[in-house]
Amino acid sequence: MSNKNLFLAFDFGAESSRAVCGAIENKKLNLKEIYRFKTGMLPMDNHFYWNIYRFYEEMLNAITLCTQKENLHPVSVAVDSWGVDFGFLAEDDTIVRIPYAYRDMQVTEAMPDFHKKIPPERIYSLTGISMLPFNSLYHIHAMKLSKDLALKTGKRLMFIPDLLNFMLSGEKKTEFTFATTSQLYNPFKADWEEELLSAVGLDRSFMNEIILPGQVMGQLKDEVCLHTGLKHANLSSVCSHDTGSAIVAVPAEGTDWAYISSGTWSLMGLELDSPLVTEKTFLYNFSNEGGAGGKFRFLKNIMGLWLLQQCQKKWAASGRDYDYPRLIGEAVKAKPFKAFIDPDFKKFFNPPDMPAEIDDFCRLSSQEEPSSEGEYVRVILESLALKYRYILDQLSEVSSKQINAIHIIGGGTQNRLLCQFTANATGKKVIAGPAEGTAAGNILMQSMANGQTGSFEEIREIVKNSFDLEYYNPEDTQKWEMAYKNFLNVLI
């Protein structure tokens, strides 16, 4: 990999994170993973946090590996992460306590309490964002209810990518796609929504300037370069919400497609030119989040492979340390359609024992419980695929779009059983790849920021040239149609 026009992406995920180098050569993107590390929430004093200082240390480790072991010297660095989470800077620019994680349980009661002040219909009309208890708006309100001292000490609200960018460069800015996830941004005004800020006790002075993806936002600090051996690099603005970066890397043509960004969460939706906010989209709880190229990601959050990750974690703790390929192999052999779960059932959000919660759900819905690891995995994957069908029907209804294909991107593309189940359940052709979608999208937007690519359309063409895709056609559609009718009976 050449050092010419080399870019380094930091892609932070809730389970694991990685640093990936990329370069565009002959209209193709070449990627090389440099470093991977566990992210993970930090449990402490009955709360869940993100250890932002360790994340910064891991970024320094990655840059050092890049320059000193790989002899690669990127001209630009950029960060993306999961949405909504934030911390505060004090007046002297120190971080006021490490940030809460979105699965922290203090958010549970904050949303209904906030709706006593401003009804959800009003919030949706201002933001176009779905009502989810972990949204930044409600987490700030939860802190206000608990009289959290961070709200008194803090002077500047900084989202997770903002904090990491600040540590690397000293810049205090918020990128558009991340701002939209907070439920504090008004897409119709293209600015922070002061009515909602005021309702949680903040004002405009707490908020950063909002910048678009695809531009240079600063340079790395001298101390970062000195520590890592990197002589000089820009800090670039990309789609800092990881789903936004992933959608950049959808190798799509036309407009007759939906996407699923598949990982810990499944984000399923459409790429639209403007927000879609109606009574029906409010009823169905769809979000309108910012995207690259002036687009909006009209989507819904689905619990995703978190369900499988937490089962695997529980089994590993009891000595049954099955890796994912083995678990998928067991699922292939398991009985089809033994039971169904609603992946978005509230008790699946962060339970201490996911298999036990699945058992409880089956008992609650008068179904037989899974009796082996393979059966649990099959129940999860079949239910996810059927939930995708449910969301697809809603997408078609509210958008009046003909949807002929589903693009799956992200780590979930490596779960071929889920990809095939998705084709079966939806009756649509599934196009899977790239698995490295988020890192690819991050790097491609860096290429735009640094003048190597000139348009969003050029970026999409590079994606199509760069990755091998897998195609899945629907199978056993009559059986899956019958299963879907049964699945609808368990939705809560």
Protein backbone atom coordinates (compact mmCIF):
# COMPACT_ATOMS: atom_id res chain seq x y z
CA MET A 1 0.00 0.00 0.00
CA SER A 2 1.46 3.32 -1.11
CA ASN A 3 1.98 6.19 1.33
CA LYS A 4 0.61 8.60 -1.27
CA ASN A 5 -2.85 9.88 -0.32
CA LEU A 6 -3.20 7.32 2.46
CA PHE A 7 -6.07 7.73 4.93
CA LEU A 8 -6.59 6.28 8.42
CA ALA A 9 -10.12 5.56 9.68
CA PHE A 10 -11.00 4.98 13.32
CA ASP A 11 -14.24 3.03 13.37
CA PHE A 12 -15.58 2.74 16.92
CA GLY A 13 -18.21 0.08 17.57
CA ALA A 14 -19.99 -0.75 20.79
CA GLU A 15 -18.39 -4.21 20.95
CA SER A 16 -15.05 -3.67 19.19
CA SER A 17 -13.22 -0.92 17.35
CA ARG A 18 -10.54 -0.81 14.71
CA ALA A 19 -8.12 1.35 12.80
CA VAL A 20 -8.09 0.82 9.03
CA CYS A 21 -5.78 2.37 6.44
CA GLY A 22 -7.04 2.96 2.93
CA ALA A 23 -5.86 4.32 -0.38
CA ILE A 24 -7.53 4.79 -3.75
CA GLU A 25 -5.53 3.43 -6.66
CA ASN A 26 -6.86 3.09 -10.21
CA LYS A 27 -10.39 3.95 -9.06
CA LYS A 28 -10.34 1.12 -6.51
CA LEU A 29 -10.18 1.36 -2.73
CA ASN A 30 -7.60 -0.81 -0.97
CA LEU A 31 -8.00 -1.36 2.76
CA LYS A 32 -5.67 -2.71 5.43
CA GLU A 33 -6.69 -3.24 9.05
CA ILE A 34 -3.91 -1.95 11.29
CA TYR A 35 -5.29 -2.51 14.78
CA ARG A 36 -8.38 -3.85 16.52
CA PHE A 37 -9.36 -3.52 20.16
CA LYS A 38 -12.28 -4.22 22.43
CA THR A 39 -14.52 -1.27 23.15
CA GLY A 40 -17.06 -2.43 25.68
CA MET A 41 -18.96 -0.55 28.34
CA LEU A 42 -17.32 0.06 31.70
CA PRO A 43 -19.67 -0.96 34.56
CA MET A 44 -19.05 1.12 37.67
CA ASP A 45 -21.22 2.28 40.59
CA ASN A 46 -24.44 0.95 39.02
CA HIS A 47 -23.84 2.84 35.77
CA PHE A 48 -22.38 1.99 32.37
CA TYR A 49 -19.71 4.29 30.91
CA TRP A 50 -17.42 4.63 27.90
CA ASN A 51 -13.78 4.86 28.97
CA ILE A 52 -12.91 7.71 26.63
CA TYR A 53 -9.35 7.97 27.92
CA ARG A 54 -8.63 4.35 27.00
CA PHE A 55 -10.11 4.96 23.56
CA TYR A 56 -7.70 7.86 23.05
CA GLU A 57 -4.80 5.70 24.21
CA GLU A 58 -5.82 2.99 21.73
CA MET A 59 -5.88 5.57 18.93
CA LEU A 60 -2.33 6.60 19.79
CA ASN A 61 -1.32 2.92 19.80
CA ALA A 62 -2.88 2.48 16.35
CA ILE A 63 -1.16 5.50 14.83
CA THR A 64 2.16 4.36 16.30
CA LEU A 65 1.72 0.88 14.80
CA CYS A 66 0.82 2.46 11.51
CA THR A 67 3.94 4.61 11.30
CA GLN A 68 6.55 2.48 13.07
CA LYS A 69 5.56 -1.12 12.27
CA GLU A 70 3.73 -0.75 8.96
CA ASN A 71 5.76 2.26 7.75
CA LEU A 72 2.53 3.90 6.63
CA HIS A 73 2.06 7.65 7.03
CA PRO A 74 -1.53 8.77 6.47
CA VAL A 75 -2.21 12.29 5.26
CA SER A 76 -5.53 12.33 7.09
CA VAL A 77 -7.27 10.76 10.08
CA ALA A 78 -11.02 10.60 10.86
CA VAL A 79 -13.30 9.12 13.52
CA ASP A 80 -16.76 7.56 13.42
CA SER A 81 -18.73 5.87 16.20
CA TRP A 82 -22.18 4.75 17.33
CA GLY A 83 -24.68 7.58 17.80
CA VAL A 84 -26.23 9.67 20.60
CA ASP A 85 -23.62 9.41 23.38
CA PHE A 86 -21.86 12.49 24.72
CA GLY A 87 -19.77 14.04 27.46
CA PHE A 88 -19.07 17.57 28.65
CA LEU A 89 -16.04 19.81 28.71
CA ALA A 90 -15.49 22.11 31.67
CA GLU A 91 -14.55 25.76 31.25
CA ASP A 92 -10.86 24.80 31.24
CA ASP A 93 -11.49 22.19 28.48
CA THR A 94 -11.04 19.18 30.76
CA ILE A 95 -13.54 16.34 30.39
CA VAL A 96 -16.20 16.34 33.09
CA ARG A 97 -16.36 12.66 34.04
CA ILE A 98 -16.25 9.91 31.43
CA PRO A 99 -19.42 9.67 29.30
CA TYR A 100 -22.39 7.48 30.13
CA ALA A 101 -23.17 4.66 27.70
CA TYR A 102 -26.54 4.63 25.99
CA ARG A 103 -27.40 1.33 27.70
CA ASP A 104 -27.09 2.96 31.12
CA MET A 105 -30.34 2.24 32.91
CA GLN A 106 -30.95 5.79 34.16
CA VAL A 107 -32.51 6.53 30.75
CA THR A 108 -35.41 4.13 31.35
CA GLU A 109 -37.84 6.57 32.94
CA ALA A 110 -36.55 9.82 31.44
CA MET A 111 -38.41 9.67 28.13
CA PRO A 112 -41.96 9.40 29.53
CA ASP A 113 -41.13 12.08 32.10
CA PHE A 114 -39.86 14.46 29.40
CA HIS A 115 -43.01 13.87 27.37
CA LYS A 116 -44.95 15.51 30.20
CA LYS A 117 -43.14 18.74 29.29
CA ILE A 118 -43.16 18.44 25.49
CA PRO A 119 -45.39 15.84 23.82
CA PRO A 120 -43.74 13.34 21.46
CA GLU A 121 -45.71 14.61 18.46
CA ARG A 122 -44.14 18.06 18.95
CA ILE A 123 -40.64 16.61 19.36
CA TYR A 124 -41.05 14.58 16.18
CA SER A 125 -42.31 17.58 14.21
CA LEU A 126 -39.18 19.51 15.26
CA THR A 127 -36.59 16.76 14.74
CA GLY A 128 -37.99 13.89 12.66
CA ILE A 129 -36.23 11.52 15.08
CA SER A 130 -37.88 8.42 16.54
CA MET A 131 -38.77 8.18 20.21
CA LEU A 132 -36.03 6.01 21.71
CA PRO A 133 -35.13 6.22 25.40
CA PHE A 134 -31.38 6.35 24.78
CA ASN A 135 -31.50 9.45 22.53
CA SER A 136 -29.24 12.25 23.72
CA LEU A 137 -32.27 14.43 24.52
CA TYR A 138 -33.63 11.96 27.05
CA HIS A 139 -30.25 11.07 28.53
CA ILE A 140 -29.59 14.74 29.27
CA HIS A 141 -33.03 14.90 30.87
CA ALA A 142 -32.17 11.81 32.96
CA MET A 143 -29.05 13.61 34.19
CA LYS A 144 -31.15 16.65 35.02
CA LEU A 145 -33.60 14.51 37.02
CA SER A 146 -30.73 12.98 39.01
CA LYS A 147 -29.16 16.43 39.58
CA ASP A 148 -25.99 15.21 37.88
CA LEU A 149 -23.16 17.61 38.74
CA ALA A 150 -21.77 17.26 35.20
CA LEU A 151 -24.59 19.49 34.01
CA LYS A 152 -23.46 22.22 36.42
CA THR A 153 -19.74 21.82 35.78
CA GLY A 154 -19.96 21.26 32.04
CA LYS A 155 -19.81 24.19 29.63
CA ARG A 156 -19.67 22.42 26.25
CA LEU A 157 -21.56 19.32 25.10
CA MET A 158 -19.29 17.00 23.10
CA PHE A 159 -20.48 13.83 21.38
CA ILE A 160 -18.18 10.79 21.37
CA PRO A 161 -16.51 11.61 18.00
CA ASP A 162 -16.27 15.26 19.09
CA LEU A 163 -14.37 14.25 22.22
CA LEU A 164 -11.99 11.99 20.30
CA ASN A 165 -11.42 14.66 17.64
CA PHE A 166 -10.80 17.21 20.40
CA MET A 167 -8.21 14.95 22.02
CA LEU A 168 -6.45 14.50 18.68
CA SER A 169 -6.62 18.07 17.43
CA GLY A 170 -8.13 20.52 19.93
CA GLU A 171 -11.04 21.22 17.54
CA LYS A 172 -14.55 21.65 18.97
CA LYS A 173 -17.00 20.87 16.18
CA THR A 174 -19.93 18.51 15.61
CA GLU A 175 -20.49 16.79 12.29
CA PHE A 176 -23.95 16.93 10.71
CA THR A 177 -24.82 13.20 10.60
CA PHE A 178 -24.04 12.78 14.31
CA ALA A 179 -25.88 15.94 15.30
CA THR A 180 -29.08 14.53 13.81
CA THR A 181 -28.96 11.43 16.03
CA SER A 182 -29.18 13.53 19.19
CA GLN A 183 -32.84 14.61 18.85
CA LEU A 184 -31.56 18.13 19.52
CA TYR A 185 -31.22 19.08 15.83
CA ASN A 186 -33.93 20.53 13.60
CA PRO A 187 -33.42 19.39 9.97
CA PHE A 188 -35.91 21.96 8.69
CA LYS A 189 -33.91 24.82 10.22
CA ALA A 190 -30.57 23.06 9.66
CA ASP A 191 -29.58 24.04 13.20
CA TRP A 192 -29.84 23.09 16.85
CA GLU A 193 -33.42 23.27 18.17
CA GLU A 194 -33.49 25.85 20.96
CA GLU A 195 -36.92 24.78 22.25
CA LEU A 196 -35.55 21.34 23.13
CA LEU A 197 -32.22 22.64 24.42
CA SER A 198 -34.08 24.96 26.77
CA ALA A 199 -36.30 22.12 27.99
CA VAL A 200 -33.24 20.19 29.22
CA GLY A 201 -31.60 23.26 30.73
CA LEU A 202 -29.01 23.98 28.02
CA ASP A 203 -28.53 26.89 25.65
CA ARG A 204 -26.71 27.48 22.38
CA SER A 205 -23.42 28.18 24.16
CA PHE A 206 -23.20 24.46 25.05
CA MET A 207 -23.36 23.38 21.41
CA ASN A 208 -20.64 23.21 18.78
CA GLU A 209 -20.67 24.58 15.27
CA ILE A 210 -22.17 21.95 12.96
CA ILE A 211 -20.03 21.06 9.94
CA LEU A 212 -20.73 18.85 6.93
CA PRO A 213 -18.82 15.66 6.11
CA GLY A 214 -16.17 15.84 3.42
CA GLN A 215 -13.94 18.71 4.60
CA VAL A 216 -10.73 19.21 6.55
CA MET A 217 -11.58 20.31 10.09
CA GLY A 218 -8.08 20.72 11.54
CA GLN A 219 -4.66 19.14 12.05
CA LEU A 220 -3.40 16.64 14.58
CA LYS A 221 -1.75 18.17 17.63
CA ASP A 222 2.04 18.34 17.69
CA GLU A 223 2.06 16.14 20.80
CA VAL A 224 0.08 13.43 18.97
CA CYS A 225 2.52 13.50 16.05
CA LEU A 226 5.53 13.48 18.37
CA HIS A 227 4.18 10.53 20.39
CA THR A 228 3.27 8.43 17.37
CA GLY A 229 5.96 9.34 14.84
CA LEU A 230 3.45 10.77 12.39
CA LYS A 231 4.99 13.89 10.85
CA HIS A 232 1.79 15.67 9.91
CA ALA A 233 -1.83 14.78 9.17
CA ASN A 234 -5.16 16.48 8.70
CA LEU A 235 -8.17 15.70 10.83
CA SER A 236 -11.04 15.24 8.39
CA SER A 237 -14.78 15.54 8.79
CA VAL A 238 -16.56 12.35 7.68
CA CYS A 239 -19.95 10.90 8.51
CA SER A 240 -19.04 10.53 12.17
CA HIS A 241 -22.16 8.49 12.90
CA ASP A 242 -21.06 5.01 11.86
CA THR A 243 -24.28 4.21 10.01
CA GLY A 244 -23.82 7.37 7.96
CA SER A 245 -20.33 6.20 6.97
CA ALA A 246 -21.65 2.73 6.18
CA ILE A 247 -24.34 4.06 3.84
CA VAL A 248 -21.66 5.96 1.89
CA ALA A 249 -20.29 2.51 0.96
CA VAL A 250 -23.55 1.02 -0.35
CA PRO A 251 -22.71 -0.14 -3.91
CA ALA A 252 -26.15 0.82 -5.18
CA GLU A 253 -27.60 1.97 -8.47
CA GLY A 254 -30.95 3.68 -8.97
CA THR A 255 -33.39 4.30 -6.14
CA ASP A 256 -35.32 1.02 -5.82
CA TRP A 257 -33.34 -0.34 -2.87
CA ALA A 258 -33.36 -0.42 0.91
CA TYR A 259 -30.37 -0.97 3.17
CA ILE A 260 -29.58 -2.78 6.38
CA SER A 261 -26.45 -1.72 8.22
CA SER A 262 -25.92 -4.92 10.16
CA GLY A 263 -23.92 -5.17 13.36
CA THR A 264 -24.70 -4.81 17.07
CA TRP A 265 -27.69 -2.84 15.80
CA SER A 266 -29.53 -3.33 12.54
CA LEU A 267 -30.37 0.01 10.93
CA MET A 268 -32.86 -0.51 8.12
CA GLY A 269 -34.07 2.21 5.82
CA LEU A 270 -34.02 4.24 2.62
CA GLU A 271 -31.82 7.00 1.28
CA LEU A 272 -33.98 10.07 0.65
CA ASP A 273 -33.38 13.60 -0.61
CA SER A 274 -35.23 15.21 2.31
CA PRO A 275 -36.79 14.26 5.68
CA LEU A 276 -40.05 12.32 5.58
CA VAL A 277 -42.17 13.46 8.53
CA THR A 278 -45.86 12.52 8.59
CA GLU A 279 -48.41 11.23 11.06
CA LYS A 280 -47.75 7.70 9.80
CA THR A 281 -43.95 7.94 10.07
CA PHE A 282 -44.42 9.20 13.64
CA LEU A 283 -46.76 6.29 14.39
CA TYR A 284 -44.23 3.82 12.98
CA ASN A 285 -41.39 5.58 14.86
CA PHE A 286 -39.06 6.18 11.90
CA SER A 287 -36.03 8.45 12.12
CA ASN A 288 -34.65 10.97 9.65
CA GLU A 289 -30.89 11.08 10.17
CA GLY A 290 -28.37 13.03 8.13
CA GLY A 291 -26.30 11.44 5.40
CA ALA A 292 -23.52 12.29 2.98
CA GLY A 293 -24.18 14.23 -0.18
CA GLY A 294 -27.08 16.14 1.34
CA LYS A 295 -29.15 12.97 1.70
CA PHE A 296 -31.21 11.77 4.66
CA ARG A 297 -31.24 8.26 6.07
CA PHE A 298 -34.87 7.40 6.69
CA LEU A 299 -34.58 4.41 8.97
CA LYS A 300 -35.55 2.41 11.99
CA ASN A 301 -33.32 0.92 14.70
CA ILE A 302 -33.65 -2.84 15.26
CA MET A 303 -31.87 -4.56 18.15
CA GLY A 304 -29.64 -6.54 15.75
CA LEU A 305 -26.83 -8.98 16.51
CA TRP A 306 -26.63 -7.65 20.08
CA LEU A 307 -29.01 -10.52 20.89
CA LEU A 308 -26.54 -13.11 19.62
CA GLN A 309 -23.52 -11.33 21.09
CA GLN A 310 -25.07 -11.35 24.56
CA CYS A 311 -26.04 -15.03 24.31
CA GLN A 312 -22.51 -15.91 23.26
CA LYS A 313 -21.13 -13.85 26.15
CA LYS A 314 -23.35 -15.68 28.65
CA TRP A 315 -22.42 -19.10 27.30
CA ALA A 316 -18.71 -18.20 27.35
CA ALA A 317 -19.01 -17.17 31.02
CA SER A 318 -20.35 -20.64 31.84
CA GLY A 319 -17.51 -22.41 30.03
CA ARG A 320 -19.25 -23.02 26.69
CA ASP A 321 -17.01 -20.74 24.66
CA TYR A 322 -18.52 -21.26 21.23
CA ASP A 323 -17.26 -18.95 18.49
CA TYR A 324 -19.70 -17.46 16.01
CA PRO A 325 -18.98 -19.86 13.10
CA ARG A 326 -19.69 -22.85 15.34
CA LEU A 327 -22.89 -21.26 16.66
CA ILE A 328 -24.09 -20.56 13.12
CA GLY A 329 -23.31 -24.16 12.20
CA GLU A 330 -25.44 -25.36 15.10
CA ALA A 331 -28.25 -23.04 14.01
CA VAL A 332 -28.25 -24.51 10.50
CA LYS A 333 -29.00 -27.93 12.00
CA ALA A 334 -31.65 -26.64 14.46
CA LYS A 335 -35.40 -26.95 13.97
CA PRO A 336 -36.86 -24.13 11.85
CA PHE A 337 -39.49 -21.77 13.27
CA LYS A 338 -39.54 -23.37 16.72
CA ALA A 339 -40.28 -19.99 18.32
CA PHE A 340 -40.20 -16.29 17.54
CA ILE A 341 -39.15 -13.24 19.53
CA ASP A 342 -39.64 -9.54 18.98
CA PRO A 343 -35.98 -8.39 18.73
CA ASP A 344 -36.99 -4.98 20.08
CA PHE A 345 -38.67 -6.22 23.25
CA LYS A 346 -37.56 -3.77 25.94
CA LYS A 347 -36.15 -6.45 28.25
CA PHE A 348 -33.60 -7.40 25.58
CA PHE A 349 -31.98 -3.94 25.84
CA ASN A 350 -29.30 -4.83 28.42
CA PRO A 351 -30.19 -7.93 30.46
CA PRO A 352 -27.68 -9.82 32.63
CA ASP A 353 -28.76 -13.11 31.02
CA MET A 354 -29.98 -12.91 27.41
CA PRO A 355 -30.88 -16.63 27.01
CA ALA A 356 -33.01 -16.41 30.15
CA GLU A 357 -34.81 -13.34 28.78
CA ILE A 358 -35.51 -15.22 25.55
CA ASP A 359 -36.95 -18.07 27.62
CA ASP A 360 -39.17 -15.61 29.48
CA PHE A 361 -40.38 -14.11 26.21
CA CYS A 362 -41.28 -17.55 24.88
CA ARG A 363 -43.23 -18.38 28.04
CA LEU A 364 -44.95 -14.99 27.94
CA SER A 365 -46.06 -15.65 24.34
CA SER A 366 -47.02 -19.31 24.97
CA GLN A 367 -44.20 -20.75 22.85
CA GLU A 368 -41.79 -23.61 23.43
CA GLU A 369 -38.42 -22.44 24.72
CA PRO A 370 -35.19 -23.17 22.83
CA SER A 371 -33.35 -26.18 24.22
CA SER A 372 -29.87 -25.82 22.68
CA GLU A 373 -27.43 -23.11 21.64
CA GLY A 374 -28.27 -23.78 18.00
CA GLU A 375 -31.98 -23.31 18.64
CA TYR A 376 -31.41 -20.00 20.44
CA VAL A 377 -29.31 -18.75 17.53
CA ARG A 378 -31.87 -19.87 14.97
CA VAL A 379 -34.70 -18.20 16.89
CA ILE A 380 -32.70 -14.95 16.95
CA LEU A 381 -31.75 -15.00 13.25
CA GLU A 382 -35.19 -16.03 12.01
CA SER A 383 -36.83 -13.38 14.17
CA LEU A 384 -34.44 -10.69 12.93
CA ALA A 385 -35.17 -11.60 9.31
CA LEU A 386 -38.92 -11.50 9.95
CA LYS A 387 -38.58 -8.13 11.70
CA TYR A 388 -36.80 -6.87 8.57
CA ARG A 389 -39.84 -7.98 6.56
CA TYR A 390 -42.10 -6.09 8.97
CA ILE A 391 -40.04 -2.90 8.62
CA LEU A 392 -39.79 -3.32 4.84
CA ASP A 393 -43.58 -3.35 4.56
CA GLN A 394 -43.73 -0.12 6.57
CA LEU A 395 -41.01 1.50 4.45
CA SER A 396 -42.92 0.68 1.28
CA GLU A 397 -46.15 2.01 2.73
CA VAL A 398 -44.93 5.39 3.95
CA SER A 399 -42.57 6.15 1.07
CA SER A 400 -44.67 4.72 -1.80
CA LYS A 401 -41.38 3.46 -3.23
CA GLN A 402 -40.97 0.22 -5.16
CA ILE A 403 -38.23 -1.69 -3.32
CA ASN A 404 -36.68 -4.47 -5.38
CA ALA A 405 -33.44 -5.18 -3.53
CA ILE A 406 -31.92 -4.97 -0.07
CA HIS A 407 -28.26 -4.03 0.42
CA ILE A 408 -26.74 -5.44 3.63
CA ILE A 409 -23.49 -3.81 4.69
CA GLY A 410 -21.25 -4.12 7.73
CA GLY A 411 -20.05 -7.02 9.84
CA GLY A 412 -23.40 -8.79 9.66
CA THR A 413 -22.73 -9.61 6.00
CA GLN A 414 -20.39 -12.33 7.26
CA ASN A 415 -23.40 -14.08 8.81
CA ARG A 416 -24.50 -15.81 5.60
CA LEU A 417 -27.37 -17.58 7.33
CA LEU A 418 -28.93 -14.27 8.35
CA CYS A 419 -28.44 -12.90 4.83
CA GLN A 420 -30.25 -15.90 3.32
CA PHE A 421 -33.00 -15.70 5.93
CA THR A 422 -33.43 -12.01 5.06
CA ALA A 423 -33.95 -12.85 1.38
CA ASN A 424 -36.38 -15.63 2.32
CA ALA A 425 -38.41 -13.50 4.74
CA THR A 426 -38.65 -10.39 2.56
CA GLY A 427 -38.94 -12.08 -0.83
CA LYS A 428 -36.32 -9.64 -2.14
CA LYS A 429 -32.88 -10.12 -3.64
CA VAL A 430 -30.22 -9.45 -1.03
CA ILE A 431 -26.84 -7.97 -1.99
CA ALA A 432 -24.33 -8.38 0.83
CA GLY A 433 -21.17 -6.32 1.12
CA PRO A 434 -18.92 -4.72 1.81
CA ALA A 435 -18.33 -6.08 5.31
CA GLU A 436 -15.91 -3.17 5.80
CA GLY A 437 -18.61 -0.67 4.85
CA THR A 438 -18.18 1.77 7.72
CA ALA A 439 -14.38 2.02 7.45
CA ALA A 440 -14.68 2.25 3.65
CA GLY A 441 -17.22 5.06 3.88
CA ASN A 442 -15.05 6.88 6.41
CA ILE A 443 -11.98 6.68 4.16
CA LEU A 444 -13.87 7.66 1.01
CA MET A 445 -15.22 10.80 2.68
CA GLN A 446 -11.66 11.60 3.79
CA SER A 447 -10.65 11.31 0.15
CA MET A 448 -13.26 13.96 -0.69
CA ALA A 449 -12.15 16.21 2.17
CA ASN A 450 -8.56 16.05 0.95
CA GLY A 451 -9.31 16.60 -2.73
CA GLN A 452 -8.77 13.09 -4.08
CA THR A 453 -12.40 12.52 -5.06
CA GLY A 454 -14.74 15.21 -6.23
CA SER A 455 -18.29 13.97 -5.69
CA PHE A 456 -20.53 11.56 -3.84
CA GLU A 457 -21.33 9.88 -7.19
CA GLU A 458 -17.63 9.25 -7.82
CA ILE A 459 -17.35 7.69 -4.37
CA ARG A 460 -20.21 5.27 -5.08
CA GLU A 461 -18.53 4.26 -8.35
CA ILE A 462 -15.30 3.49 -6.49
CA VAL A 463 -17.25 1.30 -4.05
CA LYS A 464 -18.71 -0.71 -6.94
CA ASN A 465 -15.21 -1.22 -8.36
CA SER A 466 -13.64 -2.26 -5.06
CA PHE A 467 -15.54 -5.06 -3.35
CA ASP A 468 -16.74 -8.56 -4.12
CA LEU A 469 -20.42 -8.85 -3.29
CA GLU A 470 -22.56 -11.86 -2.42
CA TYR A 471 -26.06 -12.33 -3.78
CA TYR A 472 -28.93 -14.17 -2.10
CA ASN A 473 -32.20 -15.04 -3.81
CA PRO A 474 -35.38 -15.89 -1.88
CA GLU A 475 -35.98 -19.56 -1.04
CA ASP A 476 -38.91 -21.41 0.58
CA THR A 477 -41.02 -18.26 0.36
CA GLN A 478 -44.32 -20.00 1.14
CA LYS A 479 -42.93 -21.43 4.39
CA TRP A 480 -41.55 -18.03 5.33
CA GLU A 481 -44.85 -16.34 4.53
CA MET A 482 -46.60 -18.69 6.95
CA ALA A 483 -43.89 -18.05 9.53
CA TYR A 484 -44.39 -14.29 9.12
CA LYS A 485 -48.07 -14.59 9.99
CA ASN A 486 -47.11 -16.41 13.19
CA PHE A 487 -44.37 -13.89 13.92
CA LEU A 488 -46.87 -11.02 13.81
CA ASN A 489 -48.69 -12.63 16.74
CA VAL A 490 -45.69 -12.21 19.07
CA LEU A 491 -44.86 -8.56 18.32
CA ILE A 492 -45.25 -6.50 21.49
